[in-house]
C-alpha atoms as a PDB file:
ATOM      1  CA  MET A   1      97.224 110.720 164.449  1.00  0.00           C
ATOM      2  CA  LEU A   2      96.514 113.928 162.558  1.00  0.00           C
ATOM      3  CA  LEU A   3      99.342 113.089 160.163  1.00  0.00           C
ATOM      4  CA  VAL A   4      97.757 109.695 159.381  1.00  0.00           C
ATOM      5  CA  ILE A   5      94.376 111.313 158.751  1.00  0.00           C
ATOM      6  CA  LEU A   6      95.993 113.737 156.295  1.00  0.00           C
ATOM      7  CA  LEU A   7      98.111 111.089 154.576  1.00  0.00           C
ATOM      8  CA  ILE A   8      95.248 108.670 153.858  1.00  0.00           C
ATOM      9  CA  PRO A   9      93.361 111.012 151.470  1.00  0.00           C
ATOM     10  CA  ILE A  10      96.617 112.023 149.808  1.00  0.00           C
ATOM     11  CA  LEU A  11      97.559 108.358 149.365  1.00  0.00           C
ATOM     12  CA  LEU A  12      94.117 107.583 147.916  1.00  0.00           C
ATOM     13  CA  ILE A  13      94.409 110.472 145.455  1.00  0.00           C
ATOM     14  CA  VAL A  14      97.848 109.254 144.347  1.00  0.00           C
ATOM     15  CA  ILE A  15      96.478 105.721 143.852  1.00  0.00           C
ATOM     16  CA  VAL A  16      93.522 107.014 141.799  1.00  0.00           C
ATOM     17  CA  ILE A  17      95.852 109.119 139.644  1.00  0.00           C
ATOM     18  CA  ALA A  18      98.190 106.162 139.097  1.00  0.00           C
ATOM     19  CA  MET A  19      95.304 103.879 138.093  1.00  0.00           C
ATOM     20  CA  TYR A  20      93.825 106.507 135.794  1.00  0.00           C
ATOM     21  CA  ASN A  21      97.191 107.131 134.129  1.00  0.00           C
ATOM     22  CA  GLY A  22      97.687 103.375 133.682  1.00  0.00           C
ATOM     23  CA  LEU A  23      94.315 103.100 131.956  1.00  0.00           C
ATOM     24  CA  VAL A  24      95.081 106.089 129.729  1.00  0.00           C
ATOM     25  CA  ARG A  25      98.480 104.621 128.847  1.00  0.00           C
ATOM     26  CA  LEU A  26      96.888 101.322 127.790  1.00  0.00           C
ATOM     27  CA  ARG A  27      94.176 103.108 125.800  1.00  0.00           C
ATOM     28  CA  VAL A  28      96.832 105.083 123.907  1.00  0.00           C
ATOM     29  CA  GLN A  29      98.814 101.888 123.286  1.00  0.00           C
ATOM     30  CA  CYS A  30      95.648 100.276 121.874  1.00  0.00           C
ATOM     31  CA  ASP A  31      95.117 103.216 119.539  1.00  0.00           C
ATOM     32  CA  ASN A  32      98.754 103.080 118.454  1.00  0.00           C
ATOM     33  CA  ALA A  33      98.667  99.322 117.911  1.00  0.00           C
ATOM     34  CA  TRP A  34      95.473  99.620 115.849  1.00  0.00           C
ATOM     35  CA  SER A  35      97.126 102.342 113.783  1.00  0.00           C
ATOM     36  CA  ASP A  36     100.043  99.982 113.086  1.00  0.00           C
ATOM     37  CA  ILE A  37      97.617  97.308 111.873  1.00  0.00           C
ATOM     38  CA  ASP A  38      95.819  99.856 109.732  1.00  0.00           C
ATOM     39  CA  VAL A  39      99.075 100.920 108.048  1.00  0.00           C
ATOM     40  CA  GLN A  40      99.997  97.317 107.221  1.00  0.00           C
ATOM     41  CA  LEU A  41      96.505  96.587 105.919  1.00  0.00           C
ATOM     42  CA  LYS A  42      96.708  99.681 103.684  1.00  0.00           C
ATOM     43  CA  ARG A  43      99.961  98.370 102.235  1.00  0.00           C
ATOM     44  CA  ARG A  44      98.212  95.059 101.587  1.00  0.00           C
ATOM     45  CA  TYR A  45      95.261  96.795  99.914  1.00  0.00           C
ATOM     46  CA  ASP A  46      97.663  98.716  97.690  1.00  0.00           C
ATOM     47  CA  LEU A  47      99.204  95.449  96.457  1.00  0.00           C
ATOM     48  CA  VAL A  48      95.911  93.831  95.466  1.00  0.00           C
ATOM     49  CA  PRO A  49      95.249  95.912  92.293  1.00  0.00           C
ATOM     50  CA  ASN A  50      98.766  95.153  91.039  1.00  0.00           C
ATOM     51  CA  LEU A  51      98.226  91.469  91.692  1.00  0.00           C
ATOM     52  CA  VAL A  52      94.854  91.496  89.907  1.00  0.00           C
ATOM     53  CA  GLU A  53      96.325  93.297  86.888  1.00  0.00           C
ATOM     54  CA  THR A  54      99.214  90.837  86.678  1.00  0.00           C
ATOM     55  CA  VAL A  55      96.890  87.849  86.844  1.00  0.00           C
ATOM     56  CA  LYS A  56      94.449  89.458  84.411  1.00  0.00           C
ATOM     57  CA  GLY A  57      97.172  89.560  81.784  1.00  0.00           C
ATOM     58  CA  TYR A  58      97.631  85.785  81.939  1.00  0.00           C
ATOM     59  CA  ALA A  59      94.273  84.506  83.136  1.00  0.00           C
ATOM     60  CA  GLY A  60      91.883  87.245  82.048  1.00  0.00           C
ATOM     61  CA  HIS A  61      88.977  84.861  81.569  1.00  0.00           C
ATOM     62  CA  GLU A  62      89.011  84.148  85.322  1.00  0.00           C
ATOM     63  CA  LYS A  63      86.955  87.305  85.683  1.00  0.00           C
ATOM     64  CA  GLY A  64      84.801  86.020  88.563  1.00  0.00           C
ATOM     65  CA  THR A  65      87.813  85.227  90.728  1.00  0.00           C
ATOM     66  CA  LEU A  66      89.423  88.598  90.057  1.00  0.00           C
ATOM     67  CA  GLU A  67      86.190  90.476  90.713  1.00  0.00           C
ATOM     68  CA  ALA A  68      85.819  88.612  94.019  1.00  0.00           C
ATOM     69  CA  VAL A  69      89.284  89.811  95.049  1.00  0.00           C
ATOM     70  CA  VAL A  70      88.499  93.413  94.152  1.00  0.00           C
ATOM     71  CA  GLN A  71      85.154  93.246  95.974  1.00  0.00           C
ATOM     72  CA  ALA A  72      86.770  91.683  99.060  1.00  0.00           C
ATOM     73  CA  ARG A  73      89.465  94.378  99.016  1.00  0.00           C
ATOM     74  CA  ASN A  74      86.882  97.146  98.822  1.00  0.00           C
ATOM     75  CA  SER A  75      84.885  95.607 101.681  1.00  0.00           C
ATOM     76  CA  ALA A  76      88.016  95.316 103.809  1.00  0.00           C
ATOM     77  CA  MET A  77      88.976  98.920 103.130  1.00  0.00           C
ATOM     78  CA  THR A  78      85.597 100.236 104.267  1.00  0.00           C
ATOM     79  CA  ALA A  79      85.129  97.966 107.298  1.00  0.00           C
ATOM     80  CA  GLN A  80      85.073  99.793 110.628  1.00  0.00           C
ATOM     81  CA  GLY A  81      86.235  98.383 113.954  1.00  0.00           C
ATOM     82  CA  PRO A  82      88.320  95.329 114.742  1.00  0.00           C
ATOM     83  CA  ALA A  83      85.524  92.729 114.457  1.00  0.00           C
ATOM     84  CA  ALA A  84      84.205  93.990 111.104  1.00  0.00           C
ATOM     85  CA  LYS A  85      87.753  94.487 109.831  1.00  0.00           C
ATOM     86  CA  ALA A  86      88.676  90.915 110.831  1.00  0.00           C
ATOM     87  CA  ASP A  87      85.650  89.491 108.992  1.00  0.00           C
ATOM     88  CA  ALA A  88      86.466  91.525 105.888  1.00  0.00           C
ATOM     89  CA  GLU A  89      90.116  90.492 106.093  1.00  0.00           C
ATOM     90  CA  ASN A  90      89.059  86.842 106.257  1.00  0.00           C
ATOM     91  CA  MET A  91      87.089  87.316 103.026  1.00  0.00           C
ATOM     92  CA  LEU A  92      90.052  89.022 101.368  1.00  0.00           C
ATOM     93  CA  THR A  93      92.425  86.259 102.442  1.00  0.00           C
ATOM     94  CA  GLY A  94      90.082  83.642 100.973  1.00  0.00           C
ATOM     95  CA  ALA A  95      89.822  85.571  97.704  1.00  0.00           C
ATOM     96  CA  LEU A  96      93.612  85.918  97.510  1.00  0.00           C
ATOM     97  CA  ARG A  97      93.960  82.168  98.026  1.00  0.00           C
ATOM     98  CA  GLN A  98      91.840  81.651  94.941  1.00  0.00           C
ATOM     99  CA  VAL A  99      94.084  83.959  92.932  1.00  0.00           C
ATOM    100  CA  PHE A 100      97.174  82.093  94.048  1.00  0.00           C
ATOM    101  CA  ALA A 101      95.454  78.830  93.168  1.00  0.00           C
ATOM    102  CA  LEU A 102      95.135  80.160  89.611  1.00  0.00           C
ATOM    103  CA  ALA A 103      98.915  80.158  89.392  1.00  0.00           C
ATOM    104  CA  GLU A 104      98.813  76.386  89.617  1.00  0.00           C
ATOM    105  CA  ALA A 105      96.543  76.253  86.581  1.00  0.00           C
ATOM    106  CA  TYR A 106      98.569  78.773  84.569  1.00  0.00           C
ATOM    107  CA  PRO A 107     102.272  77.862  84.474  1.00  0.00           C
ATOM    108  CA  GLN A 108     103.086  80.977  82.446  1.00  0.00           C
ATOM    109  CA  LEU A 109     101.790  83.080  85.353  1.00  0.00           C
ATOM    110  CA  ARG A 110     104.134  81.317  87.768  1.00  0.00           C
ATOM    111  CA  ALA A 111     107.045  82.310  85.545  1.00  0.00           C
ATOM    112  CA  VAL A 112     106.247  86.033  85.675  1.00  0.00           C
ATOM    113  CA  GLU A 113     108.702  87.809  87.959  1.00  0.00           C
ATOM    114  CA  SER A 114     106.269  90.542  88.958  1.00  0.00           C
ATOM    115  CA  PHE A 115     103.753  87.913  90.108  1.00  0.00           C
ATOM    116  CA  THR A 116     106.303  86.126  92.277  1.00  0.00           C
ATOM    117  CA  GLN A 117     107.520  89.460  93.699  1.00  0.00           C
ATOM    118  CA  LEU A 118     103.951  90.454  94.540  1.00  0.00           C
ATOM    119  CA  GLN A 119     103.347  87.076  96.141  1.00  0.00           C
ATOM    120  CA  ASN A 120     106.532  87.341  98.215  1.00  0.00           C
ATOM    121  CA  THR A 121     105.709  90.885  99.290  1.00  0.00           C
ATOM    122  CA  LEU A 122     102.203  89.808 100.240  1.00  0.00           C
ATOM    123  CA  THR A 123     103.562  86.909 102.279  1.00  0.00           C
ATOM    124  CA  GLN A 124     105.923  89.283 104.113  1.00  0.00           C
ATOM    125  CA  LEU A 125     103.018  91.655 104.754  1.00  0.00           C
ATOM    126  CA  GLU A 126     100.931  88.794 106.120  1.00  0.00           C
ATOM    127  CA  ASP A 127     103.700  88.083 108.633  1.00  0.00           C
ATOM    128  CA  THR A 128     103.899  91.761 109.584  1.00  0.00           C
ATOM    129  CA  ILE A 129     100.111  91.975 109.959  1.00  0.00           C
ATOM    130  CA  GLN A 130     100.136  88.861 112.110  1.00  0.00           C
ATOM    131  CA  ASN A 131     102.771  90.388 114.403  1.00  0.00           C
ATOM    132  CA  ALA A 132     100.889  93.692 114.594  1.00  0.00           C
ATOM    133  CA  ARG A 133      97.657  91.815 115.323  1.00  0.00           C
ATOM    134  CA  ARG A 134      99.358  89.847 118.089  1.00  0.00           C
ATOM    135  CA  TYR A 135     100.679  93.044 119.699  1.00  0.00           C
ATOM    136  CA  TYR A 136      97.312  94.798 119.403  1.00  0.00           C
ATOM    137  CA  ASN A 137      95.479  91.864 120.964  1.00  0.00           C
ATOM    138  CA  ALA A 138      98.002  91.747 123.829  1.00  0.00           C
ATOM    139  CA  VAL A 139      97.484  95.431 124.586  1.00  0.00           C
ATOM    140  CA  VAL A 140      93.696  95.019 124.338  1.00  0.00           C
ATOM    141  CA  ARG A 141      93.920  92.074 126.729  1.00  0.00           C
ATOM    142  CA  ASP A 142      95.874  94.190 129.204  1.00  0.00           C
ATOM    143  CA  LEU A 143      93.450  97.107 128.933  1.00  0.00           C
ATOM    144  CA  ASN A 144      90.352  94.913 129.207  1.00  0.00           C
ATOM    145  CA  THR A 145      91.831  93.123 132.209  1.00  0.00           C
ATOM    146  CA  LYS A 146      92.642  96.383 133.951  1.00  0.00           C
ATOM    147  CA  ILE A 147      89.124  97.672 133.246  1.00  0.00           C
ATOM    148  CA  GLN A 148      87.617  94.584 134.874  1.00  0.00           C
ATOM    149  CA  VAL A 149      89.792  93.985 137.952  1.00  0.00           C
ATOM    150  CA  PHE A 150      89.285  95.609 141.313  1.00  0.00           C
ATOM    151  CA  PRO A 151      90.029  98.404 142.212  1.00  0.00           C
ATOM    152  CA  SER A 152      90.875  99.825 138.794  1.00  0.00           C
ATOM    153  CA  ASN A 153      87.396  98.822 137.563  1.00  0.00           C
ATOM    154  CA  ILE A 154      85.989 101.560 139.812  1.00  0.00           C
ATOM    155  CA  ILE A 155      88.252 104.175 138.230  1.00  0.00           C
ATOM    156  CA  ALA A 156      87.487 102.812 134.742  1.00  0.00           C
ATOM    157  CA  GLY A 157      83.774 103.099 135.420  1.00  0.00           C
ATOM    158  CA  MET A 158      84.084 106.607 136.835  1.00  0.00           C
ATOM    159  CA  PHE A 159      85.987 107.824 133.780  1.00  0.00           C
ATOM    160  CA  ASN A 160      83.990 105.801 131.212  1.00  0.00           C
ATOM    161  CA  PHE A 161      86.761 103.508 129.958  1.00  0.00           C
ATOM    162  CA  LYS A 162      85.330 100.839 127.649  1.00  0.00           C
ATOM    163  CA  ALA A 163      86.644  97.386 126.800  1.00  0.00           C
ATOM    164  CA  ARG A 164      88.105  97.057 123.315  1.00  0.00           C
ATOM    165  CA  GLU A 165      87.413  94.410 120.691  1.00  0.00           C
ATOM    166  CA  PHE A 166      90.081  91.893 119.774  1.00  0.00           C
ATOM    167  CA  PHE A 167      91.200  91.629 116.154  1.00  0.00           C
ATOM    168  CA  GLU A 168      90.659  87.926 115.645  1.00  0.00           C
ATOM    169  CA  VAL A 169      90.795  85.579 112.711  1.00  0.00           C
ATOM    170  CA  SER A 170      87.702  83.402 112.799  1.00  0.00           C
ATOM    171  CA  ALA A 171      88.720  80.163 111.088  1.00  0.00           C
ATOM    172  CA  PRO A 172      91.892  78.143 111.792  1.00  0.00           C
ATOM    173  CA  ALA A 173      92.591  77.676 108.064  1.00  0.00           C
ATOM    174  CA  GLU A 174      92.621  81.451 107.650  1.00  0.00           C
ATOM    175  CA  ARG A 175      95.319  81.863 110.277  1.00  0.00           C
ATOM    176  CA  GLU A 176      97.973  80.959 107.727  1.00  0.00           C
ATOM    177  CA  ALA A 177      99.398  83.226 105.047  1.00  0.00           C
ATOM    178  CA  PRO A 178      98.523  82.175 101.506  1.00  0.00           C
ATOM    179  CA  LYS A 179     101.094  79.670 100.306  1.00  0.00           C
ATOM    180  CA  VAL A 180     101.713  78.685  96.729  1.00  0.00           C
ATOM    181  CA  SER A 181     104.199  76.129  95.540  1.00  0.00           C
ATOM    182  CA  PHE A 182     105.837  76.977  92.234  1.00  0.00           C
ATOM    183  CA  GLY A 183     107.688  73.676  92.191  1.00  0.00           C
ATOM    184  CA  ALA A 184     106.704  70.446  90.502  1.00  0.00           C
ATOM    185  CA  PRO A 185     103.536  68.854  91.865  1.00  0.00           C
ATOM    186  CA  THR A 186     104.083  66.124  94.417  1.00  0.00           C
ATOM    187  CA  ALA A 187     102.064  62.941  94.528  1.00  0.00           C
END
């Protein structure tokens, strides 16, 4: 009987430690996943000035469109937190769509190799960002679930673990990478 009385507190301490370590592990994974997104977004931001300069050389009078891209890029770079970053990214994606739409109006721009390389690189980055976003959201889901379910919610409350924000795209049309067809128009 004495052995059982001694084992119960030890077992409870082990359970608390295991739950705490699980929460810490998920929090670190969230931080790591967000860092991965941040790296990919930085690569995307670094491409935008090159894209704007390339387009400016062939469609310089489209100043409003190019300024909108630069402004959206700057907003995205300064946005803090997943929700604000997602909103800013949505604006940037919309602005980039307008730039790629210019290529339809300027055939000489479509023929420029640097423009097509930038567009291909951006499309690849969009895929990478989408994968990183998916992983981040999965880890956030796991952490938020663990914070809310019993009995780990007690440990989470005791040690001040907070739910994380998802990195979500708000509109279905914005869930797709910008696509531009350089082929002949279809009717």
